[in-house]
Amino acid sequence: MLNDGYDFMFHKTIPVRTATSATPDSAIEAFTKSKTTIHFFPEGGNLVAGVINKIAFKATDQNGDPVQISGVLKDNAGNDITNISTIHDGMGYFYYKPKAGISYTADWSASDGVIKADPLPDVQPAGITMDVKVEQNDRKVIIRKGNNTEMCQMHLLVTMNGLVDYLSNVKFKNHDSNVVSSPKNSTI
């Protein structure tokens, strides 16, 4: 930046505070205290009413580092639905069958013991959910369609690095779920 003179240099004054008697210890402690957040990821993209949904979640601190949490999922009437807790690296998952018109909240706490409440995404009246189960020598994709979803057939396409890895036609007949088993050499 010095090649073009001082007119083109970036300048900014950054105030720095030090711990003094004028700054109470509680203010410093509140600033440095961990701020844990949780994010929910419904597999299939949305929460769908009337079918079992798998919801993955991740809890992190203000630096993006994983945090172990535990808690309970509640409906808008305050009823406990299921327990939630991290399994590994601040991540976990749980299953439940949401109802249309009901909102859900996760009441949870980290090691600091402070209970927080975070809403789950809105429940959609129709749609498709997916659940990938990895077993010892087999991988299964369980596809469930919501009660209000008028779909008889769909295509499951799995790509990896821009190449097609697996393709399957999925037909729904008199049932609302279908299981697709992938070959052992597939990456799904």
C-alpha atoms as a PDB file:
ATOM      1  CA  MET A   1       0.000   0.000   0.000  1.00  0.00           C
ATOM      2  CA  LEU A   2       2.975   2.318   0.364  1.00  0.00           C
ATOM      3  CA  ASN A   3       3.592   2.378  -3.409  1.00  0.00           C
ATOM      4  CA  ASP A   4       0.744   4.865  -3.938  1.00  0.00           C
ATOM      5  CA  GLY A   5       1.380   7.126  -0.974  1.00  0.00           C
ATOM      6  CA  TYR A   6      -0.494   7.675   2.265  1.00  0.00           C
ATOM      7  CA  ASP A   7      -3.714   8.811   0.556  1.00  0.00           C
ATOM      8  CA  PHE A   8      -4.522   5.207  -0.381  1.00  0.00           C
ATOM      9  CA  MET A   9      -3.702   3.563   2.954  1.00  0.00           C
ATOM     10  CA  PHE A  10      -6.419   2.201   5.199  1.00  0.00           C
ATOM     11  CA  HIS A  11      -6.552   3.758   8.674  1.00  0.00           C
ATOM     12  CA  LYS A  12      -8.748   2.834  11.592  1.00  0.00           C
ATOM     13  CA  THR A  13      -8.481   3.493  15.311  1.00  0.00           C
ATOM     14  CA  ILE A  14      -9.203   0.395  17.384  1.00  0.00           C
ATOM     15  CA  PRO A  15      -9.892   1.056  21.070  1.00  0.00           C
ATOM     16  CA  VAL A  16      -8.407  -1.501  23.486  1.00  0.00           C
ATOM     17  CA  ARG A  17      -9.801  -1.863  26.989  1.00  0.00           C
ATOM     18  CA  THR A  18      -7.872  -3.361  29.832  1.00  0.00           C
ATOM     19  CA  ALA A  19      -9.163  -4.810  33.068  1.00  0.00           C
ATOM     20  CA  THR A  20      -9.025  -1.956  35.567  1.00  0.00           C
ATOM     21  CA  SER A  21     -10.989  -1.066  38.631  1.00  0.00           C
ATOM     22  CA  ALA A  22     -13.348   0.866  36.309  1.00  0.00           C
ATOM     23  CA  THR A  23     -14.209  -2.355  34.447  1.00  0.00           C
ATOM     24  CA  PRO A  24     -15.991  -4.824  36.713  1.00  0.00           C
ATOM     25  CA  ASP A  25     -14.855  -8.450  36.589  1.00  0.00           C
ATOM     26  CA  SER A  26     -18.420  -9.513  35.764  1.00  0.00           C
ATOM     27  CA  ALA A  27     -18.323  -7.496  32.514  1.00  0.00           C
ATOM     28  CA  ILE A  28     -15.110  -9.216  31.431  1.00  0.00           C
ATOM     29  CA  GLU A  29     -16.507 -12.612  32.429  1.00  0.00           C
ATOM     30  CA  ALA A  30     -19.732 -11.994  30.461  1.00  0.00           C
ATOM     31  CA  PHE A  31     -17.717 -11.001  27.379  1.00  0.00           C
ATOM     32  CA  THR A  32     -15.496 -14.084  27.459  1.00  0.00           C
ATOM     33  CA  LYS A  33     -18.246 -16.534  28.476  1.00  0.00           C
ATOM     34  CA  SER A  34     -19.081 -19.208  25.914  1.00  0.00           C
ATOM     35  CA  LYS A  35     -22.084 -18.490  23.716  1.00  0.00           C
ATOM     36  CA  THR A  36     -23.354 -21.885  22.605  1.00  0.00           C
ATOM     37  CA  THR A  37     -25.739 -22.197  19.667  1.00  0.00           C
ATOM     38  CA  ILE A  38     -27.566 -25.140  18.158  1.00  0.00           C
ATOM     39  CA  HIS A  39     -28.599 -25.673  14.527  1.00  0.00           C
ATOM     40  CA  PHE A  40     -31.152 -28.230  13.308  1.00  0.00           C
ATOM     41  CA  PHE A  41     -30.942 -30.095   9.996  1.00  0.00           C
ATOM     42  CA  PRO A  42     -34.022 -32.160   9.060  1.00  0.00           C
ATOM     43  CA  GLU A  43     -32.892 -34.945   6.726  1.00  0.00           C
ATOM     44  CA  GLY A  44     -34.756 -34.488   3.478  1.00  0.00           C
ATOM     45  CA  GLY A  45     -34.730 -30.695   3.923  1.00  0.00           C
ATOM     46  CA  ASN A  46     -37.975 -30.033   5.839  1.00  0.00           C
ATOM     47  CA  LEU A  47     -39.947 -31.318   8.792  1.00  0.00           C
ATOM     48  CA  VAL A  48     -42.924 -33.149   7.282  1.00  0.00           C
ATOM     49  CA  ALA A  49     -46.156 -33.714   9.217  1.00  0.00           C
ATOM     50  CA  GLY A  50     -47.460 -37.225   9.793  1.00  0.00           C
ATOM     51  CA  VAL A  51     -44.268 -39.232   9.167  1.00  0.00           C
ATOM     52  CA  ILE A  52     -41.165 -40.066  11.177  1.00  0.00           C
ATOM     53  CA  ASN A  53     -38.475 -37.431  10.649  1.00  0.00           C
ATOM     54  CA  LYS A  54     -34.761 -37.719  11.414  1.00  0.00           C
ATOM     55  CA  ILE A  55     -33.343 -34.401  12.605  1.00  0.00           C
ATOM     56  CA  ALA A  56     -29.602 -33.952  12.884  1.00  0.00           C
ATOM     57  CA  PHE A  57     -28.204 -31.097  14.977  1.00  0.00           C
ATOM     58  CA  LYS A  58     -24.904 -29.455  15.778  1.00  0.00           C
ATOM     59  CA  ALA A  59     -24.002 -27.420  18.869  1.00  0.00           C
ATOM     60  CA  THR A  60     -21.062 -25.011  18.733  1.00  0.00           C
ATOM     61  CA  ASP A  61     -19.563 -22.237  20.823  1.00  0.00           C
ATOM     62  CA  GLN A  62     -18.790 -18.692  19.656  1.00  0.00           C
ATOM     63  CA  ASN A  63     -15.588 -19.946  17.959  1.00  0.00           C
ATOM     64  CA  GLY A  64     -17.330 -22.730  16.039  1.00  0.00           C
ATOM     65  CA  ASP A  65     -15.894 -25.431  18.305  1.00  0.00           C
ATOM     66  CA  PRO A  66     -18.170 -28.381  19.174  1.00  0.00           C
ATOM     67  CA  VAL A  67     -20.049 -28.363  22.472  1.00  0.00           C
ATOM     68  CA  GLN A  68     -21.708 -31.309  24.220  1.00  0.00           C
ATOM     69  CA  ILE A  69     -25.366 -30.634  25.093  1.00  0.00           C
ATOM     70  CA  SER A  70     -28.426 -32.482  26.338  1.00  0.00           C
ATOM     71  CA  GLY A  71     -32.070 -31.563  26.546  1.00  0.00           C
ATOM     72  CA  VAL A  72     -35.630 -32.356  25.605  1.00  0.00           C
ATOM     73  CA  LEU A  73     -37.855 -31.639  22.599  1.00  0.00           C
ATOM     74  CA  LYS A  74     -41.220 -30.096  23.545  1.00  0.00           C
ATOM     75  CA  ASP A  75     -44.374 -29.188  21.643  1.00  0.00           C
ATOM     76  CA  ASN A  76     -46.094 -25.799  21.973  1.00  0.00           C
ATOM     77  CA  ALA A  77     -48.237 -27.162  24.845  1.00  0.00           C
ATOM     78  CA  GLY A  78     -45.081 -27.950  26.855  1.00  0.00           C
ATOM     79  CA  ASN A  79     -45.326 -31.741  26.472  1.00  0.00           C
ATOM     80  CA  ASP A  80     -42.043 -33.659  26.320  1.00  0.00           C
ATOM     81  CA  ILE A  81     -41.621 -35.407  22.950  1.00  0.00           C
ATOM     82  CA  THR A  82     -38.130 -36.947  23.088  1.00  0.00           C
ATOM     83  CA  ASN A  83     -34.733 -36.483  24.701  1.00  0.00           C
ATOM     84  CA  ILE A  84     -31.849 -35.056  22.707  1.00  0.00           C
ATOM     85  CA  SER A  85     -28.113 -35.231  23.353  1.00  0.00           C
ATOM     86  CA  THR A  86     -24.918 -34.943  21.383  1.00  0.00           C
ATOM     87  CA  ILE A  87     -23.177 -38.128  20.311  1.00  0.00           C
ATOM     88  CA  HIS A  88     -19.851 -36.903  18.923  1.00  0.00           C
ATOM     89  CA  ASP A  89     -18.162 -33.527  18.304  1.00  0.00           C
ATOM     90  CA  GLY A  90     -21.244 -31.506  19.245  1.00  0.00           C
ATOM     91  CA  MET A  91     -23.405 -33.449  16.783  1.00  0.00           C
ATOM     92  CA  GLY A  92     -26.380 -35.720  17.319  1.00  0.00           C
ATOM     93  CA  TYR A  93     -29.750 -36.690  15.924  1.00  0.00           C
ATOM     94  CA  PHE A  94     -33.214 -37.711  17.026  1.00  0.00           C
ATOM     95  CA  TYR A  95     -36.412 -39.034  15.513  1.00  0.00           C
ATOM     96  CA  TYR A  96     -39.986 -37.845  15.977  1.00  0.00           C
ATOM     97  CA  LYS A  97     -43.286 -37.599  14.137  1.00  0.00           C
ATOM     98  CA  PRO A  98     -44.353 -33.935  13.982  1.00  0.00           C
ATOM     99  CA  LYS A  99     -47.982 -32.867  13.663  1.00  0.00           C
ATOM    100  CA  ALA A 100     -49.252 -30.141  11.344  1.00  0.00           C
ATOM    101  CA  GLY A 101     -50.011 -26.836  13.054  1.00  0.00           C
ATOM    102  CA  ILE A 102     -47.823 -27.617  16.094  1.00  0.00           C
ATOM    103  CA  SER A 103     -44.548 -25.835  16.797  1.00  0.00           C
ATOM    104  CA  TYR A 104     -41.642 -27.551  18.546  1.00  0.00           C
ATOM    105  CA  THR A 105     -38.854 -26.237  20.747  1.00  0.00           C
ATOM    106  CA  ALA A 106     -35.659 -27.821  22.053  1.00  0.00           C
ATOM    107  CA  ASP A 107     -34.920 -26.971  25.693  1.00  0.00           C
ATOM    108  CA  TRP A 108     -31.239 -27.779  26.197  1.00  0.00           C
ATOM    109  CA  SER A 109     -28.164 -26.955  28.234  1.00  0.00           C
ATOM    110  CA  ALA A 110     -24.402 -27.249  27.872  1.00  0.00           C
ATOM    111  CA  SER A 111     -21.838 -27.749  30.639  1.00  0.00           C
ATOM    112  CA  ASP A 112     -22.576 -24.257  32.041  1.00  0.00           C
ATOM    113  CA  GLY A 113     -26.035 -25.513  33.107  1.00  0.00           C
ATOM    114  CA  VAL A 114     -27.917 -22.570  31.570  1.00  0.00           C
ATOM    115  CA  ILE A 115     -31.122 -23.852  29.947  1.00  0.00           C
ATOM    116  CA  LYS A 116     -31.813 -22.398  26.519  1.00  0.00           C
ATOM    117  CA  ALA A 117     -34.789 -22.847  24.199  1.00  0.00           C
ATOM    118  CA  ASP A 118     -34.483 -22.920  20.417  1.00  0.00           C
ATOM    119  CA  PRO A 119     -37.339 -23.475  17.948  1.00  0.00           C
ATOM    120  CA  LEU A 120     -37.200 -26.205  15.340  1.00  0.00           C
ATOM    121  CA  PRO A 121     -38.035 -25.343  11.718  1.00  0.00           C
ATOM    122  CA  ASP A 122     -41.725 -25.060  10.819  1.00  0.00           C
ATOM    123  CA  VAL A 123     -43.581 -28.296  10.072  1.00  0.00           C
ATOM    124  CA  GLN A 124     -44.681 -28.627   6.437  1.00  0.00           C
ATOM    125  CA  PRO A 125     -48.058 -30.287   5.712  1.00  0.00           C
ATOM    126  CA  ALA A 126     -46.657 -32.294   2.769  1.00  0.00           C
ATOM    127  CA  GLY A 127     -43.289 -33.496   1.545  1.00  0.00           C
ATOM    128  CA  ILE A 128     -40.695 -36.255   1.576  1.00  0.00           C
ATOM    129  CA  THR A 129     -38.240 -37.234   4.326  1.00  0.00           C
ATOM    130  CA  MET A 130     -35.102 -39.326   3.965  1.00  0.00           C
ATOM    131  CA  ASP A 131     -33.093 -41.369   6.404  1.00  0.00           C
ATOM    132  CA  VAL A 132     -29.795 -43.034   5.467  1.00  0.00           C
ATOM    133  CA  LYS A 133     -28.905 -46.059   7.592  1.00  0.00           C
ATOM    134  CA  VAL A 134     -25.393 -47.436   7.308  1.00  0.00           C
ATOM    135  CA  GLU A 135     -25.138 -51.041   8.391  1.00  0.00           C
ATOM    136  CA  GLN A 136     -22.127 -53.341   8.398  1.00  0.00           C
ATOM    137  CA  ASN A 137     -22.214 -54.283   4.703  1.00  0.00           C
ATOM    138  CA  ASP A 138     -25.270 -52.443   3.473  1.00  0.00           C
ATOM    139  CA  ARG A 139     -26.609 -48.931   3.094  1.00  0.00           C
ATOM    140  CA  LYS A 140     -30.313 -48.205   3.063  1.00  0.00           C
ATOM    141  CA  VAL A 141     -32.175 -45.042   2.184  1.00  0.00           C
ATOM    142  CA  ILE A 142     -35.595 -44.905   3.814  1.00  0.00           C
ATOM    143  CA  ILE A 143     -37.894 -42.509   1.982  1.00  0.00           C
ATOM    144  CA  ARG A 144     -41.169 -41.502   3.625  1.00  0.00           C
ATOM    145  CA  LYS A 145     -43.879 -39.376   2.062  1.00  0.00           C
ATOM    146  CA  GLY A 146     -46.183 -37.200   4.114  1.00  0.00           C
ATOM    147  CA  ASN A 147     -49.907 -37.890   4.341  1.00  0.00           C
ATOM    148  CA  ASN A 148     -50.816 -34.949   2.092  1.00  0.00           C
ATOM    149  CA  THR A 149     -48.179 -35.745  -0.533  1.00  0.00           C
ATOM    150  CA  GLU A 150     -49.608 -36.938  -3.810  1.00  0.00           C
ATOM    151  CA  MET A 151     -46.666 -38.745  -5.319  1.00  0.00           C
ATOM    152  CA  CYS A 152     -46.555 -42.254  -6.766  1.00  0.00           C
ATOM    153  CA  GLN A 153     -42.984 -42.313  -8.056  1.00  0.00           C
ATOM    154  CA  MET A 154     -39.692 -40.500  -7.643  1.00  0.00           C
ATOM    155  CA  HIS A 155     -36.076 -40.929  -8.702  1.00  0.00           C
ATOM    156  CA  LEU A 156     -33.215 -41.168  -6.225  1.00  0.00           C
ATOM    157  CA  LEU A 157     -29.995 -39.858  -7.765  1.00  0.00           C
ATOM    158  CA  VAL A 158     -26.752 -39.851  -5.785  1.00  0.00           C
ATOM    159  CA  THR A 159     -23.754 -37.964  -7.146  1.00  0.00           C
ATOM    160  CA  MET A 160     -20.209 -37.704  -5.882  1.00  0.00           C
ATOM    161  CA  ASN A 161     -17.638 -35.280  -7.293  1.00  0.00           C
ATOM    162  CA  GLY A 162     -20.041 -34.439 -10.122  1.00  0.00           C
ATOM    163  CA  LEU A 163     -20.433 -38.065 -11.219  1.00  0.00           C
ATOM    164  CA  VAL A 164     -23.523 -40.251 -10.873  1.00  0.00           C
ATOM    165  CA  ASP A 165     -22.854 -42.827  -8.168  1.00  0.00           C
ATOM    166  CA  TYR A 166     -26.277 -44.413  -7.832  1.00  0.00           C
ATOM    167  CA  LEU A 167     -29.705 -44.117  -9.477  1.00  0.00           C
ATOM    168  CA  SER A 168     -32.939 -45.806  -8.457  1.00  0.00           C
ATOM    169  CA  ASN A 169     -36.647 -45.478  -9.248  1.00  0.00           C
ATOM    170  CA  VAL A 170     -38.796 -45.378  -6.125  1.00  0.00           C
ATOM    171  CA  LYS A 171     -42.480 -46.287  -6.384  1.00  0.00           C
ATOM    172  CA  PHE A 172     -45.045 -45.668  -3.676  1.00  0.00           C
ATOM    173  CA  LYS A 173     -48.052 -47.946  -3.872  1.00  0.00           C
ATOM    174  CA  ASN A 174     -50.353 -48.515  -0.902  1.00  0.00           C
ATOM    175  CA  HIS A 175     -47.766 -47.466   1.666  1.00  0.00           C
ATOM    176  CA  ASP A 176     -46.151 -44.209   2.638  1.00  0.00           C
ATOM    177  CA  SER A 177     -42.525 -45.372   2.868  1.00  0.00           C
ATOM    178  CA  ASN A 178     -40.018 -47.166   0.726  1.00  0.00           C
ATOM    179  CA  VAL A 179     -36.564 -48.612   1.402  1.00  0.00           C
ATOM    180  CA  VAL A 180     -33.837 -48.434  -1.248  1.00  0.00           C
ATOM    181  CA  SER A 181     -30.761 -50.612  -0.686  1.00  0.00           C
ATOM    182  CA  SER A 182     -27.610 -49.470  -2.388  1.00  0.00           C
ATOM    183  CA  PRO A 183     -24.915 -51.796  -3.690  1.00  0.00           C
ATOM    184  CA  LYS A 184     -21.953 -52.356  -1.378  1.00  0.00           C
ATOM    185  CA  ASN A 185     -19.589 -50.375  -3.615  1.00  0.00           C
ATOM    186  CA  SER A 186     -21.827 -47.278  -3.650  1.00  0.00           C
ATOM    187  CA  THR A 187     -20.843 -44.297  -1.530  1.00  0.00           C
ATOM    188  CA  ILE A 188     -24.307 -43.650  -0.079  1.00  0.00           C
END
